[in-house]
Amino acid sequence: MKNTEKIANAKKRIDELERLIKYWNDAECNEAKIINLAMKIENKIA
């Protein structure tokens, strides 16, 4: 495998990892919103 191919493959992996990190950050943010909403509802009911 040539150096240019290695670099191209590494860039692809980096892009994939960046997309995964963004997805995980968005998912954590959405989970936090759901938890906060559930807590607010429980507080109003109680």
Protein backbone atom coordinates (compact mmCIF):
# COMPACT_ATOMS: atom_id res chain seq x y z
CA MET A 1 0.00 0.00 0.00
CA LYS A 2 1.38 3.38 -0.98
CA ASN A 3 1.66 6.31 1.40
CA THR A 4 -1.04 8.22 -0.48
CA GLU A 5 -3.44 5.29 -0.02
CA LYS A 6 -2.61 5.10 3.68
CA ILE A 7 -3.28 8.82 4.06
CA ALA A 8 -6.58 8.56 2.17
CA ASN A 9 -7.71 5.65 4.38
CA ALA A 10 -6.70 7.51 7.53
CA LYS A 11 -8.70 10.58 6.42
CA LYS A 12 -11.76 8.36 5.84
CA ARG A 13 -11.43 6.88 9.34
CA ILE A 14 -11.03 10.33 10.87
CA ASP A 15 -14.16 11.56 9.07
CA GLU A 16 -16.11 8.52 10.30
CA LEU A 17 -14.95 9.11 13.87
CA GLU A 18 -15.88 12.78 13.71
CA ARG A 19 -19.38 11.86 12.50
CA LEU A 20 -19.73 9.34 15.33
CA ILE A 21 -18.60 11.89 17.91
CA LYS A 22 -21.11 14.42 16.60
CA TYR A 23 -23.87 11.78 16.66
CA TRP A 24 -23.02 10.77 20.26
CA ASN A 25 -22.92 14.40 21.40
CA ASP A 26 -26.32 15.05 19.79
CA ALA A 27 -27.75 11.87 21.34
CA GLU A 28 -26.49 12.86 24.82
CA CYS A 29 -28.02 16.30 24.42
CA ASN A 30 -31.39 14.81 23.40
CA GLU A 31 -31.31 12.35 26.33
CA ALA A 32 -30.66 15.23 28.73
CA LYS A 33 -33.66 17.11 27.33
CA ILE A 34 -35.88 14.04 27.76
CA ILE A 35 -34.74 13.56 31.35
CA ASN A 36 -35.35 17.23 32.18
CA LEU A 37 -38.81 17.08 30.62
CA ALA A 38 -39.68 13.96 32.66
CA MET A 39 -38.48 15.64 35.86
CA LYS A 40 -40.58 18.74 35.15
CA ILE A 41 -43.67 16.61 34.56
CA GLU A 42 -43.10 14.64 37.78
CA ASN A 43 -42.69 17.87 39.76
CA LYS A 44 -45.99 19.23 38.43
CA ILE A 45 -47.84 15.99 39.19
CA ALA A 46 -46.43 15.75 42.71
